[in-house]
């Protein structure tokens, strides 16, 4: 949009794809950056059902005013296969959380989740180097975070997922890139770790099952989330009650916003 906030016929369109969509927080940040950089562009929410993602991606190829989008739950994995090209990082992770449309209509994808999550921890003074880390989840965000943790030099990485086969697959892919990092597949017991991370969407809804056994949290742990809404998930509430240091989900997005804006060409 223009510096007066108006959308014109020249305005470039960016989107954020999710289902549900009401919880997303990225558009205001991207729109502020666009105004600050003097770019006539606007990000809007696109709520797309999973079964409609493929035809929607095809439609984006022909939408000449569309420059790119943030991809979030539940589309990060499926969108990877719908892109014409993805970065090596996204290919290893098996998920994209940003796409860009070239002038010829080709869709390119990348994964910034892991980079953003680790940067958020570091900005808060939480180092991952040499730490024992427990990660719940093996989906899009968790995949990206797992690879970033391995690249950051954790001393041990434990992966836990309701579907064990997905955790086993993630372990194998991490070891292919980082053979010297001890990676194990664990249970819902987070005991014995320095940092505990929920990389799932469990905790967004009141009826969700817990992502791990809260009784295994220990006061010396750092307990971190990827979920932004609610800000204090049941996991973080339990961790705070036990005296753990908590780390909210919002910093992962905050650290990515500028990187996403650059990726979109703003």
Protein backbone atom coordinates (compact mmCIF):
# COMPACT_ATOMS: atom_id res chain seq x y z
CA UNK A 1 0.00 0.00 0.00
CA UNK A 2 1.07 3.61 -0.39
CA UNK A 3 2.45 5.67 2.49
CA UNK A 4 -1.09 7.01 2.99
CA UNK A 5 -2.38 3.46 3.51
CA UNK A 6 -4.27 3.26 0.22
CA UNK A 7 -4.37 0.20 -2.02
CA UNK A 8 -4.07 1.08 -5.69
CA UNK A 9 -4.04 -0.73 -9.01
CA UNK A 10 -0.25 -0.89 -8.71
CA UNK A 11 -0.22 -2.45 -5.24
CA UNK A 12 1.68 -5.74 -5.07
CA UNK A 13 -0.17 -8.47 -3.17
CA UNK A 14 1.36 -10.76 -0.55
CA UNK A 15 -0.53 -13.40 1.40
CA UNK A 16 -0.38 -15.64 4.41
CA UNK A 17 -1.89 -19.11 3.90
CA UNK A 18 -3.39 -20.95 6.84
CA UNK A 19 -6.44 -22.86 8.02
CA UNK A 20 -7.65 -21.63 10.48
CA UNK A 21 -6.44 -18.09 9.86
CA UNK A 22 -7.68 -15.82 12.69
CA UNK A 23 -4.60 -16.40 14.87
CA UNK A 24 -1.96 -15.24 12.37
CA UNK A 25 0.21 -12.29 13.40
CA UNK A 26 2.56 -11.64 10.47
CA UNK A 27 0.59 -9.25 8.19
CA UNK A 28 0.90 -6.10 10.34
CA UNK A 29 4.67 -6.57 10.63
CA UNK A 30 5.15 -7.12 6.90
CA UNK A 31 2.88 -4.17 6.08
CA UNK A 32 4.85 -1.91 8.44
CA UNK A 33 8.07 -2.92 6.71
CA UNK A 34 6.54 -2.25 3.29
CA UNK A 35 5.56 1.27 4.37
CA UNK A 36 8.96 1.88 5.99
CA UNK A 37 10.74 0.79 2.81
CA UNK A 38 8.41 2.83 0.61
CA UNK A 39 7.01 -0.19 -1.23
CA UNK A 40 3.47 -0.28 -2.63
CA UNK A 41 2.61 -3.75 -1.31
CA UNK A 42 0.14 -5.28 1.14
CA UNK A 43 -0.11 -8.64 2.90
CA UNK A 44 -3.58 -10.12 3.40
CA UNK A 45 -4.83 -13.40 4.94
CA UNK A 46 -5.75 -16.31 2.66
CA UNK A 47 -7.71 -19.05 4.42
CA UNK A 48 -7.34 -22.14 2.25
CA UNK A 49 -8.64 -25.60 3.14
CA UNK A 50 -6.05 -28.40 2.75
CA UNK A 51 -7.98 -30.10 -0.04
CA UNK A 52 -8.01 -26.83 -2.01
CA UNK A 53 -4.31 -26.03 -1.63
CA UNK A 54 -3.16 -27.54 -4.94
CA UNK A 55 -5.64 -25.68 -7.17
CA UNK A 56 -5.02 -22.51 -5.16
CA UNK A 57 -1.26 -22.81 -5.76
CA UNK A 58 -1.94 -23.22 -9.47
CA UNK A 59 -4.07 -20.08 -9.43
CA UNK A 60 -1.26 -18.10 -7.78
CA UNK A 61 1.00 -18.85 -10.74
CA UNK A 62 -1.31 -16.84 -12.98
CA UNK A 63 -1.96 -14.02 -10.50
CA UNK A 64 0.33 -11.35 -11.92
CA UNK A 65 -0.04 -8.95 -8.99
CA UNK A 66 1.00 -11.65 -6.48
CA UNK A 67 4.62 -11.61 -5.24
CA UNK A 68 4.67 -14.20 -2.46
CA UNK A 69 3.24 -15.58 0.75
CA UNK A 70 3.97 -16.87 4.21
CA UNK A 71 2.91 -20.51 4.57
CA UNK A 72 1.77 -21.81 7.94
CA UNK A 73 -0.28 -24.63 9.54
CA UNK A 74 -1.35 -26.95 7.95
CA UNK A 75 0.22 -26.17 4.58
CA UNK A 76 4.02 -26.13 5.14
CA UNK A 77 4.65 -29.71 4.09
CA UNK A 78 2.14 -30.00 1.24
CA UNK A 79 3.16 -26.68 -0.29
CA UNK A 80 6.74 -27.94 -0.66
CA UNK A 81 5.63 -30.43 -3.31
CA UNK A 82 3.62 -27.75 -5.10
CA UNK A 83 6.56 -25.38 -5.59
CA UNK A 84 8.52 -25.38 -8.82
CA UNK A 85 11.76 -24.95 -6.89
CA UNK A 86 12.79 -25.05 -3.23
CA UNK A 87 16.06 -24.23 -1.48
CA UNK A 88 18.33 -27.06 -0.27
CA UNK A 89 17.41 -26.07 3.29
CA UNK A 90 13.69 -26.42 2.60
CA UNK A 91 14.26 -29.69 0.74
CA UNK A 92 16.10 -31.15 3.75
CA UNK A 93 13.42 -29.92 6.14
CA UNK A 94 10.59 -31.15 3.92
CA UNK A 95 8.60 -27.95 4.40
CA UNK A 96 8.41 -24.35 3.24
CA UNK A 97 7.11 -21.38 5.20
CA UNK A 98 7.61 -18.77 2.49
CA UNK A 99 6.99 -18.84 -1.24
CA UNK A 100 7.82 -16.30 -3.94
CA UNK A 101 6.30 -15.95 -7.39
CA UNK A 102 8.66 -15.06 -10.21
CA UNK A 103 7.59 -12.98 -13.21
CA UNK A 104 7.19 -16.17 -15.26
CA UNK A 105 4.76 -17.62 -12.70
CA UNK A 106 7.14 -20.13 -11.12
CA UNK A 107 6.80 -20.62 -7.36
CA UNK A 108 9.94 -20.80 -5.24
CA UNK A 109 9.92 -21.95 -1.60
CA UNK A 110 12.21 -21.63 1.41
CA UNK A 111 12.11 -22.48 5.12
CA UNK A 112 12.92 -19.72 7.63
CA UNK A 113 11.25 -21.23 10.71
CA UNK A 114 14.34 -22.89 12.15
CA UNK A 115 16.59 -19.91 11.52
CA UNK A 116 14.05 -17.59 13.11
CA UNK A 117 13.43 -19.81 16.12
CA UNK A 118 17.11 -20.17 17.00
CA UNK A 119 17.68 -16.44 16.44
CA UNK A 120 14.82 -15.74 18.86
CA UNK A 121 16.42 -17.91 21.52
CA UNK A 122 19.81 -16.28 21.03
CA UNK A 123 18.34 -12.78 21.20
CA UNK A 124 16.84 -13.75 24.57
CA UNK A 125 20.27 -14.90 25.75
CA UNK A 126 19.51 -18.62 25.44
CA UNK A 127 22.37 -20.49 23.79
CA UNK A 128 21.76 -23.89 22.21
CA UNK A 129 25.41 -24.81 21.76
CA UNK A 130 26.31 -27.79 23.89
CA UNK A 131 22.80 -28.09 25.34
CA UNK A 132 20.59 -31.17 25.59
CA UNK A 133 17.39 -30.38 23.71
CA UNK A 134 14.01 -32.12 23.64
CA UNK A 135 11.78 -31.30 20.68
CA UNK A 136 8.12 -32.32 20.50
CA UNK A 137 6.88 -32.67 16.94
CA UNK A 138 8.07 -33.80 13.54
CA UNK A 139 5.94 -31.61 11.27
CA UNK A 140 6.81 -28.50 9.29
CA UNK A 141 8.01 -26.15 12.03
CA UNK A 142 9.59 -28.94 14.08
CA UNK A 143 11.54 -30.20 11.06
CA UNK A 144 12.98 -26.74 10.45
CA UNK A 145 13.82 -26.23 14.12
CA UNK A 146 15.44 -29.67 14.38
CA UNK A 147 17.82 -28.94 11.49
CA UNK A 148 18.64 -25.50 12.91
CA UNK A 149 19.35 -27.01 16.33
CA UNK A 150 21.67 -29.59 14.80
CA UNK A 151 23.46 -26.89 12.81
CA UNK A 152 23.77 -24.83 16.00
CA UNK A 153 25.76 -27.51 17.78
CA UNK A 154 23.46 -28.99 20.41
CA UNK A 155 25.08 -31.80 22.41
CA UNK A 156 22.00 -34.02 22.23
CA UNK A 157 18.70 -33.84 20.37
CA UNK A 158 15.70 -35.90 21.37
CA UNK A 159 12.77 -36.04 18.97
CA UNK A 160 9.31 -37.02 20.18
CA UNK A 161 6.20 -37.32 18.05
CA UNK A 162 2.83 -39.03 18.38
CA UNK A 163 3.58 -40.90 15.15
CA UNK A 164 6.95 -42.45 15.95
CA UNK A 165 7.70 -43.22 12.29
CA UNK A 166 7.75 -39.49 11.49
CA UNK A 167 10.28 -38.89 14.27
CA UNK A 168 12.40 -41.79 13.00
CA UNK A 169 12.32 -40.32 9.50
CA UNK A 170 13.33 -36.88 10.78
CA UNK A 171 16.18 -38.44 12.79
CA UNK A 172 17.52 -40.19 9.70
CA UNK A 173 17.43 -37.00 7.64
CA UNK A 174 19.20 -34.98 10.34
CA UNK A 175 21.93 -37.61 10.73
CA UNK A 176 22.47 -37.61 6.97
CA UNK A 177 23.42 -33.90 7.20
CA UNK A 178 24.85 -33.88 10.76
CA UNK A 179 26.28 -37.35 11.48
CA UNK A 180 28.17 -36.21 14.59
CA UNK A 181 25.10 -34.99 16.51
CA UNK A 182 23.55 -37.58 18.88
CA UNK A 183 19.90 -37.74 17.80
CA UNK A 184 17.44 -40.09 19.48
CA UNK A 185 13.72 -40.73 19.27
CA UNK A 186 12.09 -40.30 22.67
CA UNK A 187 8.73 -40.50 24.38
CA UNK A 188 6.58 -37.84 26.04
CA UNK A 189 9.10 -37.79 28.94
CA UNK A 190 11.14 -34.58 28.63
CA UNK A 191 13.24 -35.24 31.72
CA UNK A 192 17.02 -34.89 31.57
CA UNK A 193 17.13 -32.05 29.05
CA UNK A 194 18.25 -28.43 29.28
CA UNK A 195 15.82 -27.01 26.73
CA UNK A 196 12.32 -28.31 25.95
CA UNK A 197 10.57 -27.11 22.80
CA UNK A 198 7.01 -27.64 21.62
CA UNK A 199 7.26 -27.67 17.83
CA UNK A 200 3.64 -28.79 17.33
CA UNK A 201 0.33 -26.94 17.10
CA UNK A 202 -0.91 -28.73 20.24
CA UNK A 203 -1.93 -26.02 22.68
CA UNK A 204 -3.67 -23.69 20.24
CA UNK A 205 -7.10 -25.09 21.16
CA UNK A 206 -8.47 -25.83 24.65
CA UNK A 207 -9.32 -29.40 23.67
CA UNK A 208 -5.79 -30.24 22.45
CA UNK A 209 -3.87 -33.08 24.02
CA UNK A 210 -0.61 -32.02 25.71
CA UNK A 211 2.46 -32.20 23.42
CA UNK A 212 4.45 -33.89 26.20
CA UNK A 213 4.12 -35.04 29.81
CA UNK A 214 4.09 -31.83 31.85
CA UNK A 215 4.97 -33.81 35.00
CA UNK A 216 8.46 -34.43 33.58
CA UNK A 217 9.36 -30.73 33.41
CA UNK A 218 12.17 -29.67 35.76
CA UNK A 219 12.83 -26.20 37.25
CA UNK A 220 16.26 -25.83 35.60
CA UNK A 221 14.79 -26.21 32.11
CA UNK A 222 14.12 -23.58 29.48
CA UNK A 223 10.69 -24.36 28.00
CA UNK A 224 9.92 -22.83 24.62
CA UNK A 225 6.92 -22.64 22.30
CA UNK A 226 6.28 -22.05 18.61
CA UNK A 227 2.60 -21.21 19.23
CA UNK A 228 1.82 -17.49 19.40
CA UNK A 229 -1.90 -17.62 20.23
CA UNK A 230 -2.56 -18.15 23.06
CA UNK A 231 0.61 -16.45 24.26
CA UNK A 232 0.73 -18.64 27.36
CA UNK A 233 -0.10 -22.17 26.28
CA UNK A 234 -0.88 -24.95 28.78
CA UNK A 235 2.75 -26.09 28.40
CA UNK A 236 4.14 -22.66 29.26
CA UNK A 237 1.70 -22.24 32.14
CA UNK A 238 2.78 -25.56 33.61
CA UNK A 239 6.45 -24.76 33.08
CA UNK A 240 6.10 -21.39 34.78
CA UNK A 241 4.41 -23.04 37.77
CA UNK A 242 7.38 -25.39 38.07
CA UNK A 243 9.87 -22.51 38.05
CA UNK A 244 11.18 -23.05 34.51
CA UNK A 245 12.30 -20.19 32.34
CA UNK A 246 9.75 -19.85 29.53
CA UNK A 247 10.25 -18.59 25.99
CA UNK A 248 7.20 -17.46 24.01
CA UNK A 249 6.36 -18.33 20.42
CA UNK A 250 6.35 -14.73 19.17
CA UNK A 251 10.15 -14.21 18.89
CA UNK A 252 10.38 -16.87 16.17
CA UNK A 253 8.16 -14.71 13.96
CA UNK A 254 9.72 -11.41 15.01
CA UNK A 255 13.17 -12.61 13.96
CA UNK A 256 11.85 -13.83 10.62
CA UNK A 257 9.85 -10.78 9.54
CA UNK A 258 12.77 -8.82 8.08
CA UNK A 259 14.12 -11.98 6.41
CA UNK A 260 10.68 -12.64 4.90
CA UNK A 261 10.40 -9.08 3.63
CA UNK A 262 13.80 -9.44 1.93
CA UNK A 263 12.71 -12.75 0.43
CA UNK A 264 9.60 -11.11 -1.06
CA UNK A 265 11.70 -8.33 -2.55
CA UNK A 266 10.16 -5.56 -0.46
